[in-house]
Protein backbone atom coordinates (compact mmCIF):
# COMPACT_ATOMS: atom_id res chain seq x y z
CA UNK A 1 0.00 0.00 0.00
CA UNK A 2 2.75 2.47 0.97
CA UNK A 3 4.59 1.74 -2.26
CA UNK A 4 1.53 2.55 -4.35
CA UNK A 5 0.86 5.70 -2.34
CA UNK A 6 4.49 6.78 -2.71
CA UNK A 7 4.41 6.28 -6.49
CA UNK A 8 1.19 8.27 -6.73
CA UNK A 9 2.32 11.17 -4.50
CA UNK A 10 5.86 11.60 -5.84
CA UNK A 11 4.96 11.11 -9.51
CA UNK A 12 1.96 13.41 -9.35
CA UNK A 13 4.02 16.03 -7.52
CA UNK A 14 6.74 15.94 -10.20
CA UNK A 15 4.21 16.18 -13.05
CA UNK A 16 2.24 19.03 -11.47
CA UNK A 17 5.35 21.03 -10.53
CA UNK A 18 6.65 20.64 -14.09
CA UNK A 19 3.30 21.51 -15.68
CA UNK A 20 2.56 24.61 -13.61
CA UNK A 21 6.13 25.91 -13.90
CA UNK A 22 5.83 25.64 -17.69
CA UNK A 23 2.40 27.26 -17.55
CA UNK A 24 3.84 30.24 -15.64
CA UNK A 25 6.46 30.81 -18.35
CA UNK A 26 8.26 33.40 -16.25
CA UNK A 27 5.27 35.69 -15.81
CA UNK A 28 4.34 36.98 -12.37
CA UNK A 29 1.10 35.03 -12.13
CA UNK A 30 -0.21 32.52 -9.65
CA UNK A 31 1.17 29.55 -11.59
CA UNK A 32 4.65 30.38 -10.29
CA UNK A 33 3.53 29.71 -6.73
CA UNK A 34 1.60 26.47 -7.24
CA UNK A 35 4.76 24.29 -7.47
CA UNK A 36 6.05 25.99 -4.30
CA UNK A 37 2.78 25.31 -2.50
CA UNK A 38 2.62 21.68 -3.67
CA UNK A 39 6.20 20.94 -2.62
CA UNK A 40 5.62 22.57 0.77
CA UNK A 41 2.42 20.64 1.42
CA UNK A 42 3.83 17.26 0.39
CA UNK A 43 7.14 17.46 2.22
CA UNK A 44 5.97 19.70 5.05
CA UNK A 45 3.15 17.35 6.04
CA UNK A 46 5.21 14.17 5.71
CA UNK A 47 5.48 11.70 8.57
CA UNK A 48 8.75 9.85 9.20
CA UNK A 49 9.99 10.42 5.66
CA UNK A 50 13.75 10.86 5.72
CA UNK A 51 16.37 9.32 7.98
CA UNK A 52 16.74 12.54 9.99
CA UNK A 53 12.98 13.15 10.43
CA UNK A 54 12.86 11.55 13.86
CA UNK A 55 15.95 13.48 14.97
CA UNK A 56 14.33 16.79 14.03
CA UNK A 57 11.12 15.85 15.81
CA UNK A 58 13.14 14.98 18.93
CA UNK A 59 14.96 18.32 18.71
CA UNK A 60 11.69 20.23 18.40
CA UNK A 61 9.58 18.32 20.92
CA UNK A 62 12.20 17.46 23.56
CA UNK A 63 15.69 18.92 23.22
CA UNK A 64 14.78 22.58 22.61
CA UNK A 65 11.38 22.61 24.29
CA UNK A 66 11.04 25.08 27.15
CA UNK A 67 14.27 26.91 26.33
CA UNK A 68 14.59 30.65 25.96
CA UNK A 69 16.12 32.02 22.78
CA UNK A 70 19.37 32.76 24.64
CA UNK A 71 19.52 29.17 25.91
CA UNK A 72 18.93 27.83 22.40
CA UNK A 73 21.89 29.86 21.17
CA UNK A 74 24.14 27.93 23.54
CA UNK A 75 23.26 24.62 21.88
CA UNK A 76 25.06 23.08 18.90
CA UNK A 77 22.50 24.34 16.37
CA UNK A 78 22.92 27.25 13.98
CA UNK A 79 21.08 30.50 14.60
CA UNK A 80 18.96 30.31 11.42
CA UNK A 81 17.51 26.97 12.47
CA UNK A 82 17.10 28.19 16.06
CA UNK A 83 15.07 31.20 14.90
CA UNK A 84 12.64 28.90 13.07
CA UNK A 85 12.29 26.56 16.05
CA UNK A 86 11.90 29.45 18.49
CA UNK A 87 9.17 31.11 16.42
CA UNK A 88 7.31 27.80 16.03
CA UNK A 89 7.49 27.29 19.80
CA UNK A 90 6.43 30.88 20.44
CA UNK A 91 3.36 30.42 18.25
CA UNK A 92 2.75 26.99 19.81
CA UNK A 93 2.72 25.34 16.40
CA UNK A 94 2.55 21.53 16.05
CA UNK A 95 5.66 19.62 15.02
CA UNK A 96 4.72 19.29 11.39
CA UNK A 97 4.86 23.08 11.05
CA UNK A 98 8.62 22.92 11.61
CA UNK A 99 8.88 20.71 8.52
CA UNK A 100 6.47 22.97 6.63
CA UNK A 101 8.68 26.00 7.36
CA UNK A 102 11.88 24.26 6.29
CA UNK A 103 10.35 22.74 3.14
CA UNK A 104 8.89 26.11 2.17
CA UNK A 105 12.25 27.77 2.69
CA UNK A 106 14.02 25.19 0.53
CA UNK A 107 11.66 25.43 -2.43
CA UNK A 108 11.26 29.23 -2.27
CA UNK A 109 15.04 29.64 -2.37
CA UNK A 110 15.29 27.17 -5.27
CA UNK A 111 12.64 29.15 -7.13
CA UNK A 112 14.42 32.46 -6.41
CA UNK A 113 17.66 31.03 -7.77
CA UNK A 114 16.02 30.09 -11.08
CA UNK A 115 13.19 32.58 -11.49
CA UNK A 116 15.15 34.37 -14.22
CA UNK A 117 15.84 31.00 -15.88
CA UNK A 118 12.12 30.38 -16.29
CA UNK A 119 12.46 27.92 -19.17
CA UNK A 120 14.85 25.75 -17.17
CA UNK A 121 12.92 25.76 -13.88
CA UNK A 122 10.31 23.11 -14.88
CA UNK A 123 13.10 20.67 -15.78
CA UNK A 124 14.95 21.41 -12.54
CA UNK A 125 11.75 20.59 -10.62
CA UNK A 126 11.42 17.37 -12.60
CA UNK A 127 14.97 16.21 -11.90
CA UNK A 128 14.70 17.29 -8.26
CA UNK A 129 11.96 14.69 -7.71
CA UNK A 130 12.94 11.90 -10.09
CA UNK A 131 16.64 11.95 -9.13
CA UNK A 132 15.59 11.28 -5.53
CA UNK A 133 17.30 14.43 -4.23
CA UNK A 134 14.05 15.86 -2.85
CA UNK A 135 13.24 12.68 -0.93
CA UNK A 136 16.69 11.48 0.06
CA UNK A 137 18.49 14.79 0.57
CA UNK A 138 16.08 17.68 1.08
CA UNK A 139 14.13 15.51 3.57
CA UNK A 140 17.25 14.44 5.46
CA UNK A 141 20.03 17.02 5.65
CA UNK A 142 17.44 19.77 5.79
CA UNK A 143 19.53 22.56 7.28
CA UNK A 144 22.40 21.94 4.91
CA UNK A 145 20.08 21.84 1.91
CA UNK A 146 18.67 25.22 2.96
CA UNK A 147 22.28 26.43 2.93
CA UNK A 148 22.74 24.84 -0.51
CA UNK A 149 19.71 26.67 -1.90
CA UNK A 150 21.03 29.96 -0.49
CA UNK A 151 24.31 29.20 -2.24
CA UNK A 152 22.41 28.77 -5.52
CA UNK A 153 21.06 32.28 -5.06
CA UNK A 154 24.57 33.58 -4.34
CA UNK A 155 26.16 32.25 -7.53
CA UNK A 156 24.58 34.93 -9.72
CA UNK A 157 26.52 37.51 -7.69
CA UNK A 158 29.73 35.60 -8.38
CA UNK A 159 28.82 35.84 -12.07
CA UNK A 160 28.36 39.60 -11.71
CA UNK A 161 31.62 39.94 -9.72
CA UNK A 162 29.68 41.39 -6.76
CA UNK A 163 31.59 40.05 -3.80
CA UNK A 164 29.67 41.79 -0.99
CA UNK A 165 26.22 40.26 -1.76
CA UNK A 166 27.96 36.90 -2.33
CA UNK A 167 29.66 37.02 1.06
CA UNK A 168 26.44 38.10 2.78
CA UNK A 169 24.52 35.19 1.29
CA UNK A 170 27.29 32.77 2.26
CA UNK A 171 27.06 34.18 5.78
CA UNK A 172 23.31 33.55 5.70
CA UNK A 173 23.97 29.97 4.53
CA UNK A 174 26.43 29.60 7.44
CA UNK A 175 23.55 30.55 9.76
CA UNK A 176 21.83 27.32 8.69
CA UNK A 177 24.85 25.03 8.48
CA UNK A 178 28.44 25.60 9.58
CA UNK A 179 29.81 23.70 6.59
CA UNK A 180 28.82 26.68 4.40
CA UNK A 181 32.10 28.30 5.41
CA UNK A 182 33.73 26.34 2.56
CA UNK A 183 31.65 28.37 0.08
CA UNK A 184 33.49 31.66 0.64
CA UNK A 185 36.59 30.85 -1.47
CA UNK A 186 34.47 29.60 -4.38
CA UNK A 187 33.88 33.20 -5.50
CA UNK A 188 37.54 33.44 -6.52
CA UNK A 189 37.49 30.36 -8.78
CA UNK A 190 36.32 32.40 -11.77
CA UNK A 191 38.41 35.56 -11.26
CA UNK A 192 40.59 34.90 -14.31
CA UNK A 193 38.38 32.63 -16.41
CA UNK A 194 34.68 32.31 -17.14
CA UNK A 195 34.87 28.52 -16.90
CA UNK A 196 37.49 26.12 -15.61
CA UNK A 197 36.50 22.91 -17.34
CA UNK A 198 36.41 23.34 -21.12
CA UNK A 199 38.09 20.19 -22.44
CA UNK A 200 35.84 17.10 -22.34
CA UNK A 201 38.74 14.66 -22.89
CA UNK A 202 40.60 15.99 -19.84
CA UNK A 203 37.37 15.92 -17.83
CA UNK A 204 36.74 12.29 -18.77
CA UNK A 205 40.24 11.33 -17.66
CA UNK A 206 39.74 13.07 -14.32
CA UNK A 207 36.28 11.51 -13.99
CA UNK A 208 37.54 7.96 -14.53
CA UNK A 209 40.48 8.55 -12.19
CA UNK A 210 37.99 9.54 -9.46
CA UNK A 211 36.01 6.35 -10.10
CA UNK A 212 39.16 4.24 -9.85
CA UNK A 213 40.35 6.09 -6.72
CA UNK A 214 37.74 4.21 -4.72
CA UNK A 215 39.77 1.02 -5.07
CA UNK A 216 42.89 2.56 -3.50
CA UNK A 217 40.85 4.12 -0.66
CA UNK A 218 42.63 7.49 -0.26
CA UNK A 219 40.46 8.63 2.67
CA UNK A 220 42.95 7.82 5.44
CA UNK A 221 45.71 9.88 3.80
CA UNK A 222 43.36 12.76 3.11
CA UNK A 223 42.16 12.89 6.71
CA UNK A 224 45.65 13.80 7.86
CA UNK A 225 45.49 17.02 5.82
CA UNK A 226 41.92 18.17 6.36
CA UNK A 227 41.11 17.11 9.94
CA UNK A 228 41.18 20.73 11.15
CA UNK A 229 38.84 21.82 8.34
CA UNK A 230 36.49 18.96 9.25
CA UNK A 231 36.30 20.21 12.83
CA UNK A 232 35.82 23.80 11.61
CA UNK A 233 32.76 22.91 9.49
CA UNK A 234 31.16 20.95 12.34
CA UNK A 235 31.80 17.34 11.34
CA UNK A 236 34.14 16.27 14.14
CA UNK A 237 31.60 13.64 15.22
CA UNK A 238 32.01 11.96 11.84
CA UNK A 239 35.80 11.59 11.95
CA UNK A 240 35.73 8.29 13.83
CA UNK A 241 33.42 6.87 11.17
CA UNK A 242 35.21 8.38 8.19
CA UNK A 243 36.59 5.02 7.12
CA UNK A 244 33.17 3.38 7.00
CA UNK A 245 32.51 2.80 3.32
CA UNK A 246 29.32 1.51 1.79
CA UNK A 247 30.57 -1.15 -0.61
CA UNK A 248 27.34 -2.90 -1.54
CA UNK A 249 26.26 -2.53 -5.18
CA UNK A 250 29.05 -0.06 -5.88
CA UNK A 251 28.76 -0.52 -9.61
CA UNK A 252 25.29 -1.97 -9.89
CA UNK A 253 22.77 -0.97 -12.58
CA UNK A 254 21.80 2.27 -10.82
CA UNK A 255 25.35 3.57 -10.55
CA UNK A 256 26.26 2.45 -14.05
CA UNK A 257 23.26 4.37 -15.41
CA UNK A 258 24.44 7.43 -13.49
CA UNK A 259 27.97 7.07 -14.88
CA UNK A 260 26.60 6.88 -18.44
CA UNK A 261 24.55 10.04 -17.85
CA UNK A 262 27.60 11.89 -16.55
CA UNK A 263 29.68 10.74 -19.53
CA UNK A 264 26.98 12.03 -21.90
CA UNK A 265 26.87 15.45 -20.22
CA UNK A 266 30.67 15.74 -20.12
CA UNK A 267 31.10 14.70 -23.77
CA UNK A 268 28.49 17.20 -24.94
CA UNK A 269 29.36 19.92 -22.43
CA UNK A 270 30.84 22.34 -24.96
CA UNK A 271 27.74 22.07 -27.15
CA UNK A 272 25.51 22.65 -24.14
CA UNK A 273 27.60 25.66 -23.10
CA UNK A 274 27.26 27.18 -26.57
CA UNK A 275 23.50 26.58 -26.46
CA UNK A 276 23.07 28.54 -23.21
CA UNK A 277 25.91 30.98 -23.85
CA UNK A 278 25.88 32.55 -20.40
CA UNK A 279 28.32 32.71 -17.55
CA UNK A 280 25.81 31.50 -14.96
CA UNK A 281 25.54 28.15 -16.71
CA UNK A 282 29.35 27.95 -16.95
CA UNK A 283 29.59 28.33 -13.19
CA UNK A 284 26.90 25.72 -12.62
CA UNK A 285 28.77 23.35 -14.91
CA UNK A 286 32.10 23.84 -13.11
CA UNK A 287 30.47 23.15 -9.75
CA UNK A 288 28.63 20.16 -11.21
CA UNK A 289 31.86 18.61 -12.49
CA UNK A 290 33.57 19.17 -9.14
CA UNK A 291 30.57 17.48 -7.53
CA UNK A 292 30.70 14.50 -9.89
CA UNK A 293 34.36 13.96 -9.08
CA UNK A 294 33.73 14.31 -5.34
CA UNK A 295 30.81 11.88 -5.46
CA UNK A 296 32.85 9.05 -6.95
CA UNK A 297 36.12 9.87 -5.17
CA UNK A 298 34.40 9.71 -1.77
CA UNK A 299 31.88 7.06 -2.78
CA UNK A 300 30.01 5.72 0.26
CA UNK A 301 31.80 7.94 2.78
CA UNK A 302 29.19 9.75 4.87
CA UNK A 303 31.39 12.50 6.25
CA UNK A 304 32.95 13.61 2.97
CA UNK A 305 29.61 13.12 1.25
CA UNK A 306 28.10 15.68 3.61
CA UNK A 307 30.96 18.14 3.24
CA UNK A 308 30.82 18.00 -0.57
CA UNK A 309 27.00 18.17 -0.79
CA UNK A 310 27.24 21.77 -2.06
CA UNK A 311 28.83 20.32 -5.21
CA UNK A 312 27.23 16.87 -5.55
CA UNK A 313 23.72 18.38 -5.44
CA UNK A 314 24.48 20.13 -8.73
CA UNK A 315 23.80 16.84 -10.53
CA UNK A 316 20.06 17.43 -10.53
CA UNK A 317 20.61 21.05 -11.59
CA UNK A 318 22.79 20.03 -14.53
CA UNK A 319 20.46 17.21 -15.55
CA UNK A 320 17.66 19.80 -15.68
CA UNK A 321 19.70 22.03 -17.98
CA UNK A 322 20.74 19.05 -20.10
CA UNK A 323 17.16 17.80 -20.48
CA UNK A 324 16.03 21.20 -21.73
CA UNK A 325 18.97 21.30 -24.15
CA UNK A 326 18.18 17.85 -25.55
CA UNK A 327 14.48 18.69 -25.91
CA UNK A 328 15.13 21.97 -27.75
CA UNK A 329 18.16 20.99 -29.85
CA UNK A 330 18.19 19.12 -33.17
CA UNK A 331 17.70 15.39 -32.67
CA UNK A 332 21.18 14.38 -33.76
CA UNK A 333 22.54 10.97 -32.84
CA UNK A 334 24.70 12.28 -29.94
CA UNK A 335 21.79 14.33 -28.56
CA UNK A 336 19.39 11.39 -28.69
CA UNK A 337 21.95 9.17 -26.93
CA UNK A 338 22.51 11.86 -24.31
CA UNK A 339 18.79 12.25 -23.71
CA UNK A 340 18.37 8.49 -23.34
CA UNK A 341 21.28 8.28 -20.88
CA UNK A 342 19.85 10.97 -18.60
CA UNK A 343 16.33 9.55 -18.88
CA UNK A 344 17.69 6.10 -17.99
CA UNK A 345 19.57 7.50 -15.00
CA UNK A 346 16.50 9.32 -13.68
CA UNK A 347 14.31 6.26 -14.24
CA UNK A 348 16.81 4.00 -12.48
CA UNK A 349 17.12 6.41 -9.52
CA UNK A 350 13.37 6.78 -9.16
CA UNK A 351 12.67 3.06 -9.63
CA UNK A 352 15.29 2.19 -7.00
CA UNK A 353 13.81 4.72 -4.57
CA UNK A 354 10.30 3.33 -5.01
CA UNK A 355 11.40 -0.32 -4.93
CA UNK A 356 13.30 0.15 -1.67
CA UNK A 357 11.02 2.73 -0.05
CA UNK A 358 9.31 0.27 2.32
CA UNK A 359 12.71 -0.94 3.55
CA UNK A 360 13.93 2.61 4.17
CA UNK A 361 12.30 5.84 5.31
CA UNK A 362 11.39 6.99 1.79
CA UNK A 363 7.83 5.64 1.64
CA UNK A 364 5.40 8.53 1.80
CA UNK A 365 2.92 8.90 4.65
CA UNK A 366 1.17 12.12 5.61
CA UNK A 367 1.26 13.44 9.17
CA UNK A 368 -2.54 13.22 9.14
CA UNK A 369 -2.68 9.53 8.14
CA UNK A 370 -2.50 8.42 11.74
CA UNK A 371 -3.57 4.87 10.91
CA UNK A 372 -0.32 4.44 8.91
CA UNK A 373 2.03 5.93 11.49
CA UNK A 374 2.60 2.62 13.23
CA UNK A 375 3.65 1.00 9.94
CA UNK A 376 6.18 3.78 9.34
CA UNK A 377 7.48 3.54 12.90
CA UNK A 378 7.94 -0.20 12.49
CA UNK A 379 9.81 0.31 9.21
CA UNK A 380 12.11 2.81 10.89
CA UNK A 381 12.78 0.45 13.80
CA UNK A 382 13.60 -2.44 11.48
CA UNK A 383 15.84 -0.26 9.33
CA UNK A 384 17.94 1.00 12.25
CA UNK A 385 18.11 -2.39 13.99
CA UNK A 386 20.02 -3.94 11.09
């Protein structure tokens, strides 16, 4: 039952967000806000969806309950998150309103980042859902994904060489997650060049080297150089577990489909850049490629995966741009192959999410479906007892 409900909710959400974003077509009408409302309602009113959902409920209902604002500031949480919790407590809002506020913040910031790229936004919404990022990232590392969406808004100021607004937005991102401190130097990447990665052959060599790096396990050596940075960005609790690697199905069908999609984007990257012909896309592409390399270099490592989330999340952004390019460009053989590779990757990611959703926390249940809460609680218990 939960599998069927999950397919219905997630698929319908993706279709409606895509359809209404296309209907809006960049105009300032109500259609722009329907995808925001739908996303907020679905993920704000979720129950036990996301590994960290229970942790956030415990924080809201137990850990920070009864504290003054000054007392909350002395805890380990960032001030942006504390402000949201404090206001929800002040207004005596139920727990689900905390998730509503965070979900709304995520999707509003994503919309703000792409509101001037109105033709791309529907495809970004589509890849956000079908890639699994919305369910497996935005519903888990919620504070850090708020920081990521703020970073998306900041990149346009890097394009315009406006360092003050960029720094201010990075500071705002830091208010939601300490790891955002690593975003400050990124502004200076493009001081001399509009894009770093312009040679697909070189990129493919680097990409395959990162894939092969997994087999020599460079994490232990790397830790000796970046341990102080890890503590600075708030991940000291992860250091002891940094060597824990998820080795199951490393190169199964899902990951192979993802590799093919990345190869297609990299091989056609210069054509895609010429199609968009703007510096904002060039910056997105550079960050995407860094993220691709980080994803495979640190494959399965939770700590480095969290630190590099600001780059790895660009996969769904780039797939959105690539889908639009393939749809609008001539249907040449390379373009058709590229489109099929990305479609296959999205299908594989979504199918895997749905297939495994009842054995994880990804199955969708609403906060108001109280008769299903026990099933979700049992699933969570079984998952964490393994």
